[in-house]
Amino acid sequence: MHRNSLAVVKVGALIAIALLFLIIHLANPAFLPHLVGLLARGDIQETALYIDSFGIWALVFAFFLTLFVNALGFPPAIIFSTANTLIFGIVPGIVLSCVAETVGVTITFLLLRFFFREAAEKLIAKSKVLSNIDKYSGKRGFAVMLVARMVPYFPSALLNAVGALSRISLRDYVLASLIGKFPSTGIEAIIGHDTITRQEDPTRLIVVIVFAVLLVAGAWIYERRAGKKAKAEAAAAALHTTDIT
């Protein structure tokens, strides 16, 4: 009964996603083909002009476009983070991109985990190596995802899939993605912005790199404390069990 109910929910979710695209198409038949062409070309300046053409709604459209692209995992996020800095300025553009990207990858995480985690668990159960990796992802998933998100130009789609099929908690995934995206998105956006505008300010890159180092150090401290807390709780639980018996 549980499996049948879950299957119905999954089919319902797929139908809801299809209906969303259908509604968008009916509301504006030219929108999706134009958007697909824009994404396929990957032209940063064209993208910036297109977003800016929405006027007072440009900020909202930029947010949802960046969200959608990161949920999809294609094309590279640098196109949209750079476009956002060209339109809204470097700091607002980076903040907007990081928040939108995090929401996008979180949506993908939830969808992939909902549809494929059960199948992944069956596969993992057949392999001791995969089981150990899966357990590690639950205990140290935050630090691993944080560092991975900090790497500029790393394929977001791969991290989305790995995160969803691992045992990392939703909370750790969201926090690691949000914090980790600031240095990587910052570096990508600044390089793209300066290349297009032909401006160079190494101070900004230095600040982002220093920030990334501080984040790595913070993640290491967080992981050590979390590990000690987990060991202490396990020891306390074992002691309690011994006292009862």
C-alpha atoms as a PDB file:
ATOM      1  CA  MET A   1       0.000   0.000   0.000  1.00  0.00           C
ATOM      2  CA  HIS A   2       2.814   2.388   0.898  1.00  0.00           C
ATOM      3  CA  ARG A   3       4.595   1.765  -2.400  1.00  0.00           C
ATOM      4  CA  ASN A   4       1.391   2.275  -4.381  1.00  0.00           C
ATOM      5  CA  SER A   5       0.686   5.562  -2.588  1.00  0.00           C
ATOM      6  CA  LEU A   6       4.250   6.739  -3.186  1.00  0.00           C
ATOM      7  CA  ALA A   7       4.003   5.852  -6.859  1.00  0.00           C
ATOM      8  CA  VAL A   8       0.790   7.880  -7.155  1.00  0.00           C
ATOM      9  CA  VAL A   9       2.465  10.885  -5.490  1.00  0.00           C
ATOM     10  CA  LYS A  10       5.442  10.649  -7.870  1.00  0.00           C
ATOM     11  CA  VAL A  11       3.174  10.522 -10.913  1.00  0.00           C
ATOM     12  CA  GLY A  12       1.224  13.470  -9.512  1.00  0.00           C
ATOM     13  CA  ALA A  13       4.432  15.461  -9.084  1.00  0.00           C
ATOM     14  CA  LEU A  14       5.465  14.788 -12.682  1.00  0.00           C
ATOM     15  CA  ILE A  15       2.031  15.850 -13.929  1.00  0.00           C
ATOM     16  CA  ALA A  16       2.234  19.058 -11.852  1.00  0.00           C
ATOM     17  CA  ILE A  17       5.622  19.927 -13.385  1.00  0.00           C
ATOM     18  CA  ALA A  18       4.306  19.264 -16.893  1.00  0.00           C
ATOM     19  CA  LEU A  19       1.224  21.419 -16.189  1.00  0.00           C
ATOM     20  CA  LEU A  20       3.437  24.280 -15.023  1.00  0.00           C
ATOM     21  CA  PHE A  21       5.285  24.360 -18.350  1.00  0.00           C
ATOM     22  CA  LEU A  22       1.986  24.011 -20.213  1.00  0.00           C
ATOM     23  CA  ILE A  23       0.523  27.018 -18.374  1.00  0.00           C
ATOM     24  CA  ILE A  24       3.630  29.091 -19.155  1.00  0.00           C
ATOM     25  CA  HIS A  25       3.390  28.109 -22.817  1.00  0.00           C
ATOM     26  CA  LEU A  26      -0.317  28.963 -23.035  1.00  0.00           C
ATOM     27  CA  ALA A  27       0.240  32.316 -21.322  1.00  0.00           C
ATOM     28  CA  ASN A  28       3.086  33.262 -23.700  1.00  0.00           C
ATOM     29  CA  PRO A  29       3.814  30.771 -26.536  1.00  0.00           C
ATOM     30  CA  ALA A  30       6.979  32.626 -27.574  1.00  0.00           C
ATOM     31  CA  PHE A  31       8.542  32.677 -24.098  1.00  0.00           C
ATOM     32  CA  LEU A  32       9.834  29.103 -23.739  1.00  0.00           C
ATOM     33  CA  PRO A  33      11.292  28.824 -27.301  1.00  0.00           C
ATOM     34  CA  HIS A  34      13.034  32.173 -26.842  1.00  0.00           C
ATOM     35  CA  LEU A  35      14.338  31.142 -23.424  1.00  0.00           C
ATOM     36  CA  VAL A  36      15.626  27.814 -24.769  1.00  0.00           C
ATOM     37  CA  GLY A  37      17.448  29.640 -27.558  1.00  0.00           C
ATOM     38  CA  LEU A  38      18.928  32.080 -25.064  1.00  0.00           C
ATOM     39  CA  LEU A  39      20.161  29.258 -22.847  1.00  0.00           C
ATOM     40  CA  ALA A  40      21.602  27.377 -25.829  1.00  0.00           C
ATOM     41  CA  ARG A  41      23.588  30.402 -27.038  1.00  0.00           C
ATOM     42  CA  GLY A  42      24.952  31.203 -23.590  1.00  0.00           C
ATOM     43  CA  ASP A  43      25.754  34.809 -24.510  1.00  0.00           C
ATOM     44  CA  ILE A  44      26.266  36.789 -21.287  1.00  0.00           C
ATOM     45  CA  GLN A  45      25.586  40.226 -22.743  1.00  0.00           C
ATOM     46  CA  GLU A  46      22.482  39.015 -24.595  1.00  0.00           C
ATOM     47  CA  THR A  47      21.269  37.408 -21.380  1.00  0.00           C
ATOM     48  CA  ALA A  48      21.832  40.638 -19.440  1.00  0.00           C
ATOM     49  CA  LEU A  49      19.917  42.666 -22.052  1.00  0.00           C
ATOM     50  CA  TYR A  50      17.055  40.160 -22.023  1.00  0.00           C
ATOM     51  CA  ILE A  51      16.757  40.233 -18.228  1.00  0.00           C
ATOM     52  CA  ASP A  52      16.997  44.030 -18.169  1.00  0.00           C
ATOM     53  CA  SER A  53      14.187  44.264 -20.754  1.00  0.00           C
ATOM     54  CA  PHE A  54      11.711  43.217 -18.050  1.00  0.00           C
ATOM     55  CA  GLY A  55      12.095  46.641 -16.432  1.00  0.00           C
ATOM     56  CA  ILE A  56      10.816  46.779 -12.854  1.00  0.00           C
ATOM     57  CA  TRP A  57      10.380  42.994 -12.953  1.00  0.00           C
ATOM     58  CA  ALA A  58      13.994  42.392 -13.978  1.00  0.00           C
ATOM     59  CA  LEU A  59      15.050  41.514 -10.429  1.00  0.00           C
ATOM     60  CA  VAL A  60      12.259  38.962 -10.035  1.00  0.00           C
ATOM     61  CA  PHE A  61      12.870  37.468 -13.476  1.00  0.00           C
ATOM     62  CA  ALA A  62      16.637  37.284 -12.848  1.00  0.00           C
ATOM     63  CA  PHE A  63      15.973  35.433  -9.593  1.00  0.00           C
ATOM     64  CA  PHE A  64      13.694  32.827 -11.162  1.00  0.00           C
ATOM     65  CA  LEU A  65      15.832  32.438 -14.283  1.00  0.00           C
ATOM     66  CA  THR A  66      18.958  31.842 -12.178  1.00  0.00           C
ATOM     67  CA  LEU A  67      16.954  29.467  -9.974  1.00  0.00           C
ATOM     68  CA  PHE A  68      15.675  27.516 -12.978  1.00  0.00           C
ATOM     69  CA  VAL A  69      19.093  27.178 -14.612  1.00  0.00           C
ATOM     70  CA  ASN A  70      20.677  25.895 -11.404  1.00  0.00           C
ATOM     71  CA  ALA A  71      17.825  23.471 -10.817  1.00  0.00           C
ATOM     72  CA  LEU A  72      18.358  22.225 -14.369  1.00  0.00           C
ATOM     73  CA  GLY A  73      22.154  22.191 -14.069  1.00  0.00           C
ATOM     74  CA  PHE A  74      22.627  23.685 -17.558  1.00  0.00           C
ATOM     75  CA  PRO A  75      23.977  25.979 -18.953  1.00  0.00           C
ATOM     76  CA  PRO A  76      26.864  27.125 -16.684  1.00  0.00           C
ATOM     77  CA  ALA A  77      25.736  29.396 -13.846  1.00  0.00           C
ATOM     78  CA  ILE A  78      28.528  31.882 -14.586  1.00  0.00           C
ATOM     79  CA  ILE A  79      26.449  33.224 -17.506  1.00  0.00           C
ATOM     80  CA  PHE A  80      23.672  34.346 -15.177  1.00  0.00           C
ATOM     81  CA  SER A  81      25.758  35.379 -12.178  1.00  0.00           C
ATOM     82  CA  THR A  82      27.817  37.607 -14.479  1.00  0.00           C
ATOM     83  CA  ALA A  83      24.687  38.981 -16.160  1.00  0.00           C
ATOM     84  CA  ASN A  84      23.263  39.803 -12.729  1.00  0.00           C
ATOM     85  CA  THR A  85      26.374  41.762 -11.762  1.00  0.00           C
ATOM     86  CA  LEU A  86      26.227  43.705 -15.035  1.00  0.00           C
ATOM     87  CA  ILE A  87      22.612  44.706 -14.354  1.00  0.00           C
ATOM     88  CA  PHE A  88      22.436  45.149 -10.585  1.00  0.00           C
ATOM     89  CA  GLY A  89      26.060  45.737  -9.574  1.00  0.00           C
ATOM     90  CA  ILE A  90      28.711  43.342  -8.265  1.00  0.00           C
ATOM     91  CA  VAL A  91      27.638  42.873  -4.641  1.00  0.00           C
ATOM     92  CA  PRO A  92      23.834  42.823  -5.232  1.00  0.00           C
ATOM     93  CA  GLY A  93      24.342  40.626  -8.298  1.00  0.00           C
ATOM     94  CA  ILE A  94      26.429  38.088  -6.376  1.00  0.00           C
ATOM     95  CA  VAL A  95      23.998  37.995  -3.433  1.00  0.00           C
ATOM     96  CA  LEU A  96      21.029  37.589  -5.789  1.00  0.00           C
ATOM     97  CA  SER A  97      22.798  34.819  -7.695  1.00  0.00           C
ATOM     98  CA  CYS A  98      23.854  32.912  -4.568  1.00  0.00           C
ATOM     99  CA  VAL A  99      20.376  32.933  -3.044  1.00  0.00           C
ATOM    100  CA  ALA A 100      18.663  32.006  -6.328  1.00  0.00           C
ATOM    101  CA  GLU A 101      21.225  29.281  -7.071  1.00  0.00           C
ATOM    102  CA  THR A 102      20.766  27.791  -3.604  1.00  0.00           C
ATOM    103  CA  VAL A 103      16.979  27.684  -3.993  1.00  0.00           C
ATOM    104  CA  GLY A 104      17.428  26.082  -7.420  1.00  0.00           C
ATOM    105  CA  VAL A 105      19.794  23.325  -6.287  1.00  0.00           C
ATOM    106  CA  THR A 106      17.579  22.685  -3.247  1.00  0.00           C
ATOM    107  CA  ILE A 107      14.564  22.097  -5.492  1.00  0.00           C
ATOM    108  CA  THR A 108      16.635  19.666  -7.570  1.00  0.00           C
ATOM    109  CA  PHE A 109      17.872  17.963  -4.399  1.00  0.00           C
ATOM    110  CA  LEU A 110      14.319  17.420  -3.165  1.00  0.00           C
ATOM    111  CA  LEU A 111      13.056  16.154  -6.524  1.00  0.00           C
ATOM    112  CA  LEU A 112      15.976  13.786  -7.115  1.00  0.00           C
ATOM    113  CA  ARG A 113      15.835  12.449  -3.566  1.00  0.00           C
ATOM    114  CA  PHE A 114      12.075  11.979  -3.798  1.00  0.00           C
ATOM    115  CA  PHE A 115      12.226  10.105  -7.106  1.00  0.00           C
ATOM    116  CA  PHE A 116      15.542   8.230  -6.907  1.00  0.00           C
ATOM    117  CA  ARG A 117      16.792   7.884  -3.317  1.00  0.00           C
ATOM    118  CA  GLU A 118      14.810   4.687  -2.708  1.00  0.00           C
ATOM    119  CA  ALA A 119      16.339   3.057  -5.797  1.00  0.00           C
ATOM    120  CA  ALA A 120      19.792   4.294  -4.760  1.00  0.00           C
ATOM    121  CA  GLU A 121      19.397   2.753  -1.300  1.00  0.00           C
ATOM    122  CA  LYS A 122      18.715  -0.662  -2.856  1.00  0.00           C
ATOM    123  CA  LEU A 123      21.866  -0.351  -4.974  1.00  0.00           C
ATOM    124  CA  ILE A 124      23.946   0.881  -2.041  1.00  0.00           C
ATOM    125  CA  ALA A 125      22.802  -2.008   0.146  1.00  0.00           C
ATOM    126  CA  LYS A 126      24.417  -4.463  -2.286  1.00  0.00           C
ATOM    127  CA  SER A 127      27.882  -2.928  -1.949  1.00  0.00           C
ATOM    128  CA  LYS A 128      29.942  -2.555   1.218  1.00  0.00           C
ATOM    129  CA  VAL A 129      32.032   0.195  -0.372  1.00  0.00           C
ATOM    130  CA  LEU A 130      28.956   2.200  -1.376  1.00  0.00           C
ATOM    131  CA  SER A 131      27.450   1.632   2.063  1.00  0.00           C
ATOM    132  CA  ASN A 132      30.544   3.052   3.754  1.00  0.00           C
ATOM    133  CA  ILE A 133      30.538   6.055   1.430  1.00  0.00           C
ATOM    134  CA  ASP A 134      26.844   6.575   2.108  1.00  0.00           C
ATOM    135  CA  LYS A 135      27.408   6.522   5.877  1.00  0.00           C
ATOM    136  CA  TYR A 136      30.305   8.960   5.502  1.00  0.00           C
ATOM    137  CA  SER A 137      28.117  11.326   3.480  1.00  0.00           C
ATOM    138  CA  GLY A 138      25.683  11.460   6.379  1.00  0.00           C
ATOM    139  CA  LYS A 139      28.360  12.184   8.971  1.00  0.00           C
ATOM    140  CA  ARG A 140      30.669  14.469   6.972  1.00  0.00           C
ATOM    141  CA  GLY A 141      28.361  15.544   4.168  1.00  0.00           C
ATOM    142  CA  PHE A 142      28.290  19.196   5.234  1.00  0.00           C
ATOM    143  CA  ALA A 143      32.053  19.745   4.939  1.00  0.00           C
ATOM    144  CA  VAL A 144      32.359  17.755   1.709  1.00  0.00           C
ATOM    145  CA  MET A 145      29.489  19.623   0.035  1.00  0.00           C
ATOM    146  CA  LEU A 146      30.725  22.981   1.351  1.00  0.00           C
ATOM    147  CA  VAL A 147      34.215  22.544  -0.093  1.00  0.00           C
ATOM    148  CA  ALA A 148      32.821  21.147  -3.369  1.00  0.00           C
ATOM    149  CA  ARG A 149      30.476  24.122  -3.776  1.00  0.00           C
ATOM    150  CA  MET A 150      33.415  26.484  -3.258  1.00  0.00           C
ATOM    151  CA  VAL A 151      35.257  25.172  -6.313  1.00  0.00           C
ATOM    152  CA  PRO A 152      34.629  27.573  -9.235  1.00  0.00           C
ATOM    153  CA  TYR A 153      33.298  26.097 -12.488  1.00  0.00           C
ATOM    154  CA  PHE A 154      32.545  22.721 -10.845  1.00  0.00           C
ATOM    155  CA  PRO A 155      29.478  21.132 -12.535  1.00  0.00           C
ATOM    156  CA  SER A 156      26.506  21.974 -10.337  1.00  0.00           C
ATOM    157  CA  ALA A 157      24.388  19.170 -11.811  1.00  0.00           C
ATOM    158  CA  LEU A 158      26.863  16.563 -10.563  1.00  0.00           C
ATOM    159  CA  LEU A 159      26.821  17.944  -7.020  1.00  0.00           C
ATOM    160  CA  ASN A 160      23.020  18.085  -7.079  1.00  0.00           C
ATOM    161  CA  ALA A 161      22.806  14.405  -8.035  1.00  0.00           C
ATOM    162  CA  VAL A 162      25.498  13.244  -5.587  1.00  0.00           C
ATOM    163  CA  GLY A 163      23.931  15.207  -2.752  1.00  0.00           C
ATOM    164  CA  ALA A 164      20.427  13.916  -3.430  1.00  0.00           C
ATOM    165  CA  LEU A 165      21.491  10.276  -3.630  1.00  0.00           C
ATOM    166  CA  SER A 166      23.707  10.506  -0.537  1.00  0.00           C
ATOM    167  CA  ARG A 167      22.665  10.530   3.113  1.00  0.00           C
ATOM    168  CA  ILE A 168      23.412  14.215   3.719  1.00  0.00           C
ATOM    169  CA  SER A 169      20.572  15.968   5.546  1.00  0.00           C
ATOM    170  CA  LEU A 170      18.518  18.662   3.840  1.00  0.00           C
ATOM    171  CA  ARG A 171      19.693  21.211   6.410  1.00  0.00           C
ATOM    172  CA  ASP A 172      23.382  20.467   5.839  1.00  0.00           C
ATOM    173  CA  TYR A 173      22.891  20.457   2.070  1.00  0.00           C
ATOM    174  CA  VAL A 174      21.153  23.855   2.022  1.00  0.00           C
ATOM    175  CA  LEU A 175      23.647  25.500   4.391  1.00  0.00           C
ATOM    176  CA  ALA A 176      26.673  24.035   2.603  1.00  0.00           C
ATOM    177  CA  SER A 177      25.293  25.126  -0.775  1.00  0.00           C
ATOM    178  CA  LEU A 178      24.411  28.645   0.353  1.00  0.00           C
ATOM    179  CA  ILE A 179      27.708  29.324   2.133  1.00  0.00           C
ATOM    180  CA  GLY A 180      29.842  27.490  -0.414  1.00  0.00           C
ATOM    181  CA  LYS A 181      28.339  29.314  -3.368  1.00  0.00           C
ATOM    182  CA  PHE A 182      29.419  32.756  -2.192  1.00  0.00           C
ATOM    183  CA  PRO A 183      33.144  32.355  -2.917  1.00  0.00           C
ATOM    184  CA  SER A 184      32.712  30.270  -6.105  1.00  0.00           C
ATOM    185  CA  THR A 185      29.955  32.474  -7.508  1.00  0.00           C
ATOM    186  CA  GLY A 186      31.860  35.575  -6.429  1.00  0.00           C
ATOM    187  CA  ILE A 187      35.017  34.504  -8.235  1.00  0.00           C
ATOM    188  CA  GLU A 188      33.132  33.478 -11.386  1.00  0.00           C
ATOM    189  CA  ALA A 189      31.009  36.626 -11.474  1.00  0.00           C
ATOM    190  CA  ILE A 190      33.888  39.026 -10.823  1.00  0.00           C
ATOM    191  CA  ILE A 191      36.076  37.435 -13.504  1.00  0.00           C
ATOM    192  CA  GLY A 192      33.177  37.467 -15.986  1.00  0.00           C
ATOM    193  CA  HIS A 193      32.186  41.030 -15.096  1.00  0.00           C
ATOM    194  CA  ASP A 194      35.729  42.389 -15.394  1.00  0.00           C
ATOM    195  CA  THR A 195      36.331  40.532 -18.655  1.00  0.00           C
ATOM    196  CA  ILE A 196      33.245  42.025 -20.306  1.00  0.00           C
ATOM    197  CA  THR A 197      33.619  45.542 -18.877  1.00  0.00           C
ATOM    198  CA  ARG A 198      37.414  45.419 -19.239  1.00  0.00           C
ATOM    199  CA  GLN A 199      37.879  46.442 -15.629  1.00  0.00           C
ATOM    200  CA  GLU A 200      40.366  44.830 -13.290  1.00  0.00           C
ATOM    201  CA  ASP A 201      40.305  45.093  -9.518  1.00  0.00           C
ATOM    202  CA  PRO A 202      42.336  42.283  -7.903  1.00  0.00           C
ATOM    203  CA  THR A 203      41.283  43.499  -4.452  1.00  0.00           C
ATOM    204  CA  ARG A 204      37.815  42.038  -4.927  1.00  0.00           C
ATOM    205  CA  LEU A 205      39.187  38.617  -5.843  1.00  0.00           C
ATOM    206  CA  ILE A 206      41.544  38.687  -2.873  1.00  0.00           C
ATOM    207  CA  VAL A 207      38.627  39.445  -0.540  1.00  0.00           C
ATOM    208  CA  VAL A 208      36.594  36.543  -1.974  1.00  0.00           C
ATOM    209  CA  ILE A 209      39.541  34.125  -1.676  1.00  0.00           C
ATOM    210  CA  VAL A 210      40.218  35.160   1.936  1.00  0.00           C
ATOM    211  CA  PHE A 211      36.514  34.690   2.659  1.00  0.00           C
ATOM    212  CA  ALA A 212      36.684  31.189   1.145  1.00  0.00           C
ATOM    213  CA  VAL A 213      39.652  30.264   3.343  1.00  0.00           C
ATOM    214  CA  LEU A 214      37.772  31.466   6.433  1.00  0.00           C
ATOM    215  CA  LEU A 215      34.754  29.396   5.413  1.00  0.00           C
ATOM    216  CA  VAL A 216      36.885  26.263   5.013  1.00  0.00           C
ATOM    217  CA  ALA A 217      38.404  26.851   8.435  1.00  0.00           C
ATOM    218  CA  GLY A 218      34.947  27.376   9.903  1.00  0.00           C
ATOM    219  CA  ALA A 219      33.671  24.176   8.286  1.00  0.00           C
ATOM    220  CA  TRP A 220      36.628  22.234   9.716  1.00  0.00           C
ATOM    221  CA  ILE A 221      35.903  23.564  13.225  1.00  0.00           C
ATOM    222  CA  TYR A 222      32.195  22.814  12.808  1.00  0.00           C
ATOM    223  CA  GLU A 223      32.927  19.253  11.705  1.00  0.00           C
ATOM    224  CA  ARG A 224      35.284  18.615  14.615  1.00  0.00           C
ATOM    225  CA  ARG A 225      32.742  19.849  17.137  1.00  0.00           C
ATOM    226  CA  ALA A 226      29.926  17.909  15.469  1.00  0.00           C
ATOM    227  CA  GLY A 227      32.067  14.757  15.498  1.00  0.00           C
ATOM    228  CA  LYS A 228      32.874  15.147  19.196  1.00  0.00           C
ATOM    229  CA  LYS A 229      29.222  15.787  20.013  1.00  0.00           C
ATOM    230  CA  ALA A 230      28.121  12.699  18.060  1.00  0.00           C
ATOM    231  CA  LYS A 231      30.696  10.528  19.842  1.00  0.00           C
ATOM    232  CA  ALA A 232      29.623  11.887  23.225  1.00  0.00           C
ATOM    233  CA  GLU A 233      25.954  11.202  22.466  1.00  0.00           C
ATOM    234  CA  ALA A 234      26.778   7.674  21.253  1.00  0.00           C
ATOM    235  CA  ALA A 235      28.803   6.996  24.395  1.00  0.00           C
ATOM    236  CA  ALA A 236      26.001   8.330  26.604  1.00  0.00           C
ATOM    237  CA  ALA A 237      23.436   6.187  24.798  1.00  0.00           C
ATOM    238  CA  ALA A 238      25.612   3.087  25.163  1.00  0.00           C
ATOM    239  CA  LEU A 239      26.105   3.795  28.872  1.00  0.00           C
ATOM    240  CA  HIS A 240      22.354   4.271  29.346  1.00  0.00           C
ATOM    241  CA  THR A 241      21.667   0.955  27.607  1.00  0.00           C
ATOM    242  CA  THR A 242      24.218  -0.811  29.826  1.00  0.00           C
ATOM    243  CA  ASP A 243      22.647   0.643  32.974  1.00  0.00           C
ATOM    244  CA  ILE A 244      19.196  -0.584  31.921  1.00  0.00           C
ATOM    245  CA  THR A 245      20.376  -4.122  31.241  1.00  0.00           C
END
